[in-house]
N, C-alpha and C. Protein backbone atom coordinates (compact mmCIF):
# COMPACT_ATOMS: atom_id res chain seq x y z
N MET A 1 71.15 133.16 95.73
CA MET A 1 71.67 132.20 96.66
C MET A 1 72.36 132.95 97.80
N GLU A 2 72.22 132.42 99.00
CA GLU A 2 72.81 133.04 100.18
C GLU A 2 74.33 132.89 100.18
N THR A 3 75.01 133.91 100.60
CA THR A 3 76.46 133.90 100.67
C THR A 3 76.96 132.81 101.61
N SER A 4 76.26 132.59 102.71
CA SER A 4 76.68 131.57 103.67
C SER A 4 76.60 130.16 103.05
N ASP A 5 75.57 129.92 102.23
CA ASP A 5 75.44 128.62 101.56
C ASP A 5 76.58 128.40 100.55
N VAL A 6 76.89 129.46 99.82
CA VAL A 6 77.99 129.37 98.85
C VAL A 6 79.30 129.11 99.58
N ARG A 7 79.51 129.82 100.68
CA ARG A 7 80.74 129.66 101.46
C ARG A 7 80.87 128.23 101.98
N LYS A 8 79.77 127.66 102.49
CA LYS A 8 79.80 126.27 102.98
C LYS A 8 80.16 125.30 101.86
N GLN A 9 79.59 125.51 100.70
CA GLN A 9 79.88 124.63 99.56
C GLN A 9 81.36 124.72 99.16
N VAL A 10 81.88 125.95 99.13
CA VAL A 10 83.28 126.14 98.76
C VAL A 10 84.20 125.50 99.79
N LEU A 11 83.91 125.69 101.07
CA LEU A 11 84.73 125.11 102.12
C LEU A 11 84.67 123.57 102.09
N ARG A 12 83.50 123.02 101.79
CA ARG A 12 83.36 121.58 101.68
C ARG A 12 84.19 121.05 100.49
N ALA A 13 84.16 121.76 99.37
CA ALA A 13 84.94 121.36 98.19
C ALA A 13 86.44 121.42 98.48
N ILE A 14 86.87 122.45 99.20
CA ILE A 14 88.28 122.59 99.56
C ILE A 14 88.71 121.42 100.46
N GLU A 15 87.88 121.08 101.44
CA GLU A 15 88.19 119.99 102.36
C GLU A 15 88.25 118.65 101.63
N GLN A 16 87.33 118.41 100.72
CA GLN A 16 87.33 117.16 99.94
C GLN A 16 88.58 117.07 99.06
N ALA A 17 88.96 118.17 98.45
CA ALA A 17 90.16 118.17 97.60
C ALA A 17 91.40 117.89 98.44
N ARG A 18 91.49 118.48 99.61
CA ARG A 18 92.64 118.24 100.49
C ARG A 18 92.68 116.79 100.96
N ARG A 19 91.53 116.22 101.26
CA ARG A 19 91.47 114.82 101.67
C ARG A 19 91.91 113.89 100.54
N ARG A 20 91.43 114.18 99.32
CA ARG A 20 91.83 113.37 98.16
C ARG A 20 93.33 113.44 97.92
N VAL A 21 93.91 114.63 98.04
CA VAL A 21 95.36 114.79 97.84
C VAL A 21 96.12 114.03 98.92
N ALA A 22 95.68 114.10 100.16
CA ALA A 22 96.35 113.39 101.24
C ALA A 22 96.25 111.88 101.02
N ASP A 23 95.09 111.40 100.60
CA ASP A 23 94.91 109.96 100.32
C ASP A 23 95.82 109.53 99.17
N ARG A 24 95.88 110.35 98.13
CA ARG A 24 96.72 110.01 96.98
C ARG A 24 98.19 109.98 97.36
N ARG A 25 98.63 110.94 98.19
CA ARG A 25 100.02 110.95 98.66
C ARG A 25 100.33 109.68 99.45
N ALA A 26 99.40 109.28 100.31
CA ALA A 26 99.61 108.07 101.12
C ALA A 26 99.68 106.84 100.21
N ARG A 27 98.80 106.74 99.21
CA ARG A 27 98.83 105.63 98.27
C ARG A 27 100.15 105.61 97.49
N ASN A 28 100.59 106.79 97.04
CA ASN A 28 101.84 106.88 96.28
C ASN A 28 103.05 106.51 97.14
N ASP A 29 103.05 106.93 98.40
CA ASP A 29 104.14 106.57 99.30
C ASP A 29 104.20 105.07 99.54
N ALA A 30 103.03 104.46 99.77
CA ALA A 30 102.98 103.01 99.98
C ALA A 30 103.41 102.28 98.71
N ALA A 31 102.96 102.75 97.55
CA ALA A 31 103.33 102.12 96.29
C ALA A 31 104.82 102.30 96.03
N GLY A 32 105.39 103.45 96.38
CA GLY A 32 106.82 103.68 96.20
C GLY A 32 107.65 102.73 97.04
N THR A 33 107.22 102.49 98.26
CA THR A 33 107.91 101.55 99.14
C THR A 33 107.81 100.13 98.59
N ALA A 34 106.61 99.75 98.14
CA ALA A 34 106.41 98.42 97.56
C ALA A 34 107.20 98.27 96.27
N PHE A 35 107.28 99.33 95.47
CA PHE A 35 108.01 99.26 94.21
C PHE A 35 109.51 99.13 94.45
N ASP A 36 110.04 99.84 95.44
CA ASP A 36 111.46 99.71 95.75
C ASP A 36 111.80 98.27 96.14
N ALA A 37 110.95 97.65 96.94
CA ALA A 37 111.16 96.25 97.31
C ALA A 37 111.03 95.35 96.08
N PHE A 38 110.06 95.63 95.23
CA PHE A 38 109.86 94.87 94.00
C PHE A 38 111.09 94.98 93.09
N LEU A 39 111.64 96.18 92.97
CA LEU A 39 112.84 96.38 92.15
C LEU A 39 113.99 95.53 92.67
N LYS A 40 114.26 95.65 93.97
CA LYS A 40 115.42 94.97 94.56
C LYS A 40 115.30 93.45 94.51
N SER A 41 114.12 92.94 94.81
CA SER A 41 113.99 91.50 94.94
C SER A 41 113.56 90.79 93.66
N THR A 42 112.89 91.48 92.75
CA THR A 42 112.32 90.81 91.59
C THR A 42 112.80 91.40 90.27
N ALA A 43 112.52 92.66 90.02
CA ALA A 43 112.72 93.25 88.69
C ALA A 43 114.18 93.31 88.28
N VAL A 44 115.04 93.87 89.11
CA VAL A 44 116.45 94.03 88.73
C VAL A 44 117.12 92.67 88.52
N PRO A 45 116.99 91.71 89.45
CA PRO A 45 117.62 90.40 89.19
C PRO A 45 117.08 89.72 87.94
N LEU A 46 115.78 89.81 87.70
CA LEU A 46 115.19 89.17 86.52
C LEU A 46 115.67 89.82 85.23
N VAL A 47 115.71 91.15 85.19
CA VAL A 47 116.18 91.85 84.00
C VAL A 47 117.66 91.55 83.76
N ARG A 48 118.44 91.43 84.80
CA ARG A 48 119.87 91.07 84.65
C ARG A 48 120.00 89.65 84.08
N GLN A 49 119.17 88.73 84.54
CA GLN A 49 119.20 87.37 83.99
C GLN A 49 118.85 87.38 82.50
N ILE A 50 117.83 88.13 82.14
CA ILE A 50 117.42 88.22 80.73
C ILE A 50 118.57 88.79 79.90
N ALA A 51 119.21 89.86 80.38
CA ALA A 51 120.31 90.48 79.65
C ALA A 51 121.48 89.50 79.49
N ASN A 52 121.75 88.69 80.51
CA ASN A 52 122.84 87.71 80.42
C ASN A 52 122.53 86.64 79.38
N VAL A 53 121.29 86.18 79.34
CA VAL A 53 120.90 85.18 78.34
C VAL A 53 121.00 85.78 76.94
N LEU A 54 120.54 87.02 76.78
CA LEU A 54 120.63 87.68 75.48
C LEU A 54 122.09 87.84 75.04
N LYS A 55 122.93 88.23 75.98
CA LYS A 55 124.35 88.42 75.67
C LYS A 55 124.97 87.10 75.24
N ALA A 56 124.60 86.00 75.90
CA ALA A 56 125.11 84.67 75.52
C ALA A 56 124.64 84.28 74.13
N GLU A 57 123.50 84.81 73.70
CA GLU A 57 122.97 84.52 72.37
C GLU A 57 123.44 85.53 71.31
N GLY A 58 124.33 86.43 71.70
CA GLY A 58 124.89 87.39 70.75
C GLY A 58 124.06 88.65 70.58
N ILE A 59 123.12 88.88 71.47
CA ILE A 59 122.30 90.09 71.42
C ILE A 59 122.63 90.89 72.67
N ALA A 60 123.47 91.89 72.52
CA ALA A 60 124.02 92.60 73.68
C ALA A 60 123.08 93.68 74.20
N PHE A 61 122.68 93.52 75.45
CA PHE A 61 121.91 94.51 76.19
C PHE A 61 122.64 94.78 77.49
N THR A 62 122.57 96.02 77.96
CA THR A 62 123.17 96.41 79.22
C THR A 62 122.06 96.86 80.16
N VAL A 63 122.17 96.49 81.43
CA VAL A 63 121.16 96.84 82.42
C VAL A 63 121.62 98.07 83.20
N PHE A 64 120.73 99.04 83.31
CA PHE A 64 120.97 100.25 84.10
C PHE A 64 119.91 100.31 85.19
N THR A 65 120.31 100.78 86.36
CA THR A 65 119.36 100.92 87.45
C THR A 65 119.40 102.34 87.99
N PRO A 66 118.92 103.29 87.19
CA PRO A 66 118.84 104.66 87.71
C PRO A 66 117.80 104.72 88.83
N SER A 67 117.69 105.83 89.44
CA SER A 67 116.78 106.00 90.56
C SER A 67 115.37 105.52 90.22
N SER A 68 114.90 104.58 90.97
CA SER A 68 113.54 104.05 90.95
C SER A 68 113.06 103.48 89.61
N CYS A 69 113.94 102.83 88.87
CA CYS A 69 113.53 102.09 87.68
C CYS A 69 114.66 101.14 87.28
N VAL A 70 114.36 100.26 86.34
CA VAL A 70 115.37 99.38 85.77
C VAL A 70 115.22 99.47 84.26
N ARG A 71 116.34 99.64 83.57
CA ARG A 71 116.32 99.80 82.11
C ARG A 71 117.32 98.83 81.49
N MET A 72 116.84 98.13 80.47
CA MET A 72 117.69 97.24 79.69
C MET A 72 117.82 97.87 78.31
N MET A 73 119.05 98.31 77.99
CA MET A 73 119.29 99.06 76.76
C MET A 73 120.19 98.27 75.81
N SER A 74 119.85 98.32 74.54
CA SER A 74 120.66 97.65 73.53
C SER A 74 122.02 98.32 73.42
N ASP A 75 123.05 97.50 73.23
CA ASP A 75 124.39 98.05 73.05
C ASP A 75 124.57 98.63 71.65
N ARG A 76 123.66 98.31 70.73
CA ARG A 76 123.75 98.83 69.37
C ARG A 76 123.15 100.22 69.22
N SER A 77 122.09 100.52 69.97
CA SER A 77 121.42 101.80 69.83
C SER A 77 120.86 102.24 71.17
N THR A 78 121.13 103.49 71.55
CA THR A 78 120.60 104.00 72.81
C THR A 78 119.10 104.25 72.73
N GLU A 79 118.55 104.21 71.52
CA GLU A 79 117.11 104.39 71.34
C GLU A 79 116.34 103.10 71.59
N ASP A 80 117.03 101.96 71.67
CA ASP A 80 116.39 100.67 71.89
C ASP A 80 116.50 100.28 73.35
N PHE A 81 115.37 100.34 74.06
CA PHE A 81 115.40 99.96 75.47
C PHE A 81 114.03 99.50 75.95
N ILE A 82 114.06 98.78 77.06
CA ILE A 82 112.87 98.38 77.80
C ILE A 82 113.09 98.87 79.22
N GLU A 83 112.11 99.57 79.76
CA GLU A 83 112.26 100.16 81.09
C GLU A 83 111.04 99.83 81.94
N VAL A 84 111.29 99.47 83.18
CA VAL A 84 110.21 99.21 84.15
C VAL A 84 110.31 100.27 85.23
N SER A 85 109.21 101.01 85.42
CA SER A 85 109.22 102.08 86.41
C SER A 85 107.83 102.20 87.05
N LEU A 86 107.73 103.06 88.05
CA LEU A 86 106.47 103.29 88.75
C LEU A 86 105.86 104.59 88.26
N GLU A 87 104.61 104.54 87.87
CA GLU A 87 103.87 105.71 87.41
C GLU A 87 102.87 106.10 88.49
N THR A 88 103.00 107.30 89.04
CA THR A 88 102.13 107.73 90.12
C THR A 88 101.23 108.89 89.73
N ASP A 89 101.16 109.21 88.45
CA ASP A 89 100.35 110.35 88.02
C ASP A 89 98.86 110.07 88.01
N GLY A 90 98.47 108.82 87.82
CA GLY A 90 97.06 108.47 87.73
C GLY A 90 96.41 108.37 89.10
N GLU A 91 95.18 107.88 89.11
CA GLU A 91 94.44 107.72 90.35
C GLU A 91 95.06 106.65 91.24
N THR A 92 95.53 105.55 90.61
CA THR A 92 96.21 104.50 91.37
C THR A 92 97.61 104.30 90.79
N PRO A 93 98.62 104.14 91.63
CA PRO A 93 99.98 103.92 91.15
C PRO A 93 100.09 102.59 90.41
N GLN A 94 100.81 102.58 89.30
CA GLN A 94 100.97 101.40 88.47
C GLN A 94 102.43 101.23 88.07
N VAL A 95 102.86 99.98 87.98
CA VAL A 95 104.16 99.68 87.39
C VAL A 95 103.96 99.73 85.88
N VAL A 96 104.85 100.43 85.20
CA VAL A 96 104.71 100.66 83.76
C VAL A 96 105.96 100.16 83.05
N CYS A 97 105.75 99.56 81.90
CA CYS A 97 106.85 99.13 81.04
C CYS A 97 106.88 100.06 79.83
N ARG A 98 107.98 100.77 79.66
CA ARG A 98 108.16 101.64 78.50
C ARG A 98 109.15 100.99 77.55
N THR A 99 108.82 101.01 76.28
CA THR A 99 109.74 100.49 75.29
C THR A 99 110.00 101.56 74.25
N SER A 100 111.19 101.53 73.71
CA SER A 100 111.58 102.44 72.64
C SER A 100 112.41 101.65 71.66
N ARG A 101 112.08 101.78 70.37
CA ARG A 101 112.79 101.04 69.34
C ARG A 101 113.08 101.93 68.16
N ASN A 102 114.30 101.84 67.67
CA ASN A 102 114.73 102.59 66.50
C ASN A 102 114.30 101.81 65.26
N ARG A 103 113.47 102.41 64.43
CA ARG A 103 113.01 101.77 63.19
C ARG A 103 113.40 102.67 62.03
N GLY A 104 114.59 102.48 61.52
CA GLY A 104 115.08 103.34 60.44
C GLY A 104 115.35 104.73 60.96
N SER A 105 114.62 105.70 60.42
CA SER A 105 114.84 107.09 60.84
C SER A 105 113.85 107.53 61.92
N ARG A 106 112.99 106.64 62.35
CA ARG A 106 112.02 107.03 63.38
C ARG A 106 112.15 106.14 64.61
N VAL A 107 111.68 106.65 65.73
CA VAL A 107 111.72 105.94 66.99
C VAL A 107 110.28 105.60 67.38
N VAL A 108 110.03 104.32 67.64
CA VAL A 108 108.70 103.86 68.04
C VAL A 108 108.72 103.63 69.54
N GLN A 109 107.83 104.33 70.25
CA GLN A 109 107.77 104.20 71.70
C GLN A 109 106.40 103.70 72.11
N SER A 110 106.37 102.93 73.19
CA SER A 110 105.09 102.49 73.74
C SER A 110 105.20 102.41 75.25
N GLU A 111 104.05 102.40 75.88
CA GLU A 111 103.98 102.33 77.33
C GLU A 111 102.78 101.49 77.70
N ARG A 112 103.00 100.49 78.58
CA ARG A 112 101.91 99.63 79.01
C ARG A 112 101.99 99.43 80.51
N ALA A 113 100.83 99.48 81.15
CA ALA A 113 100.76 99.24 82.59
C ALA A 113 100.84 97.74 82.85
N ILE A 114 101.61 97.37 83.86
CA ILE A 114 101.74 95.97 84.24
C ILE A 114 100.80 95.66 85.40
N GLY A 115 100.72 96.57 86.37
CA GLY A 115 99.86 96.38 87.53
C GLY A 115 100.43 97.08 88.75
N ALA A 116 99.80 96.84 89.88
CA ALA A 116 100.27 97.43 91.14
C ALA A 116 101.54 96.70 91.59
N PRO A 117 102.52 97.40 92.16
CA PRO A 117 103.80 96.79 92.49
C PRO A 117 103.70 95.62 93.46
N GLU A 118 102.77 95.67 94.37
CA GLU A 118 102.66 94.59 95.36
C GLU A 118 101.95 93.35 94.81
N GLU A 119 101.38 93.46 93.61
CA GLU A 119 100.62 92.34 93.03
C GLU A 119 101.38 91.59 91.94
N ILE A 120 102.48 92.13 91.45
CA ILE A 120 103.18 91.53 90.31
C ILE A 120 104.10 90.41 90.79
N THR A 121 103.92 89.23 90.22
CA THR A 121 104.78 88.10 90.55
C THR A 121 105.96 88.06 89.58
N GLU A 122 106.97 87.30 89.94
CA GLU A 122 108.14 87.18 89.08
C GLU A 122 107.77 86.54 87.73
N SER A 123 106.92 85.52 87.76
CA SER A 123 106.53 84.87 86.51
C SER A 123 105.68 85.79 85.64
N ALA A 124 104.83 86.61 86.25
CA ALA A 124 104.03 87.57 85.48
C ALA A 124 104.93 88.62 84.84
N LEU A 125 105.92 89.08 85.58
CA LEU A 125 106.87 90.06 85.02
C LEU A 125 107.67 89.44 83.89
N LEU A 126 108.13 88.21 84.06
CA LEU A 126 108.88 87.53 83.01
C LEU A 126 108.04 87.39 81.75
N GLU A 127 106.81 86.98 81.89
CA GLU A 127 105.92 86.84 80.74
C GLU A 127 105.73 88.18 80.03
N PHE A 128 105.54 89.21 80.80
CA PHE A 128 105.35 90.54 80.24
C PHE A 128 106.60 91.01 79.52
N LEU A 129 107.76 90.82 80.13
CA LEU A 129 109.02 91.25 79.51
C LEU A 129 109.32 90.46 78.24
N MET A 130 108.95 89.20 78.20
CA MET A 130 109.17 88.40 76.99
C MET A 130 108.34 88.95 75.83
N SER A 131 107.12 89.37 76.09
CA SER A 131 106.32 89.96 75.01
C SER A 131 106.89 91.32 74.58
N ALA A 132 107.43 92.08 75.53
CA ALA A 132 108.03 93.38 75.19
C ALA A 132 109.35 93.19 74.44
N LEU A 133 110.06 92.11 74.72
CA LEU A 133 111.37 91.86 74.13
C LEU A 133 111.29 91.34 72.70
N GLU A 134 110.19 90.75 72.34
CA GLU A 134 110.05 90.09 71.05
C GLU A 134 110.50 90.94 69.86
N PRO A 135 110.09 92.21 69.73
CA PRO A 135 110.52 92.99 68.57
C PRO A 135 112.04 93.22 68.51
N TYR A 136 112.72 93.17 69.64
CA TYR A 136 114.16 93.41 69.66
C TYR A 136 114.97 92.20 69.22
N VAL A 137 114.39 91.01 69.32
CA VAL A 137 115.16 89.80 69.02
C VAL A 137 114.73 89.12 67.73
N GLU A 138 113.66 89.59 67.10
CA GLU A 138 113.28 88.98 65.82
C GLU A 138 114.27 89.41 64.75
N ARG A 139 114.52 88.53 63.81
CA ARG A 139 115.53 88.84 62.78
C ARG A 139 114.94 88.77 61.43
């Protein structure tokens, strides 16, 4: 094979990789902006409402809002929490719900994608959080 042909192929591959990285960065930046708005207007107020209802029912959870996520943690165990955050490692950015539950001597963790931040409605998030919350409130 000719050296010039190999060089053209390598340069084309480098250019395609750079374009993909630039596109991914732009998608992640747009998703980050949309997620910040989603957190402020939808996720944090809804999670606070859920925590207040749980507290009124004698199930104490505290809401934390560290950088770019919202976490509702049980007051009984720091291993018991539900967290909503943005995952940008994949091809498309997704809002992810992580749960962690203390079951005796072991910790059970799970992670489920909810969807793109600009597409999630308040009612869809509430429905999703109710299914995630079920193991914490069953007696």
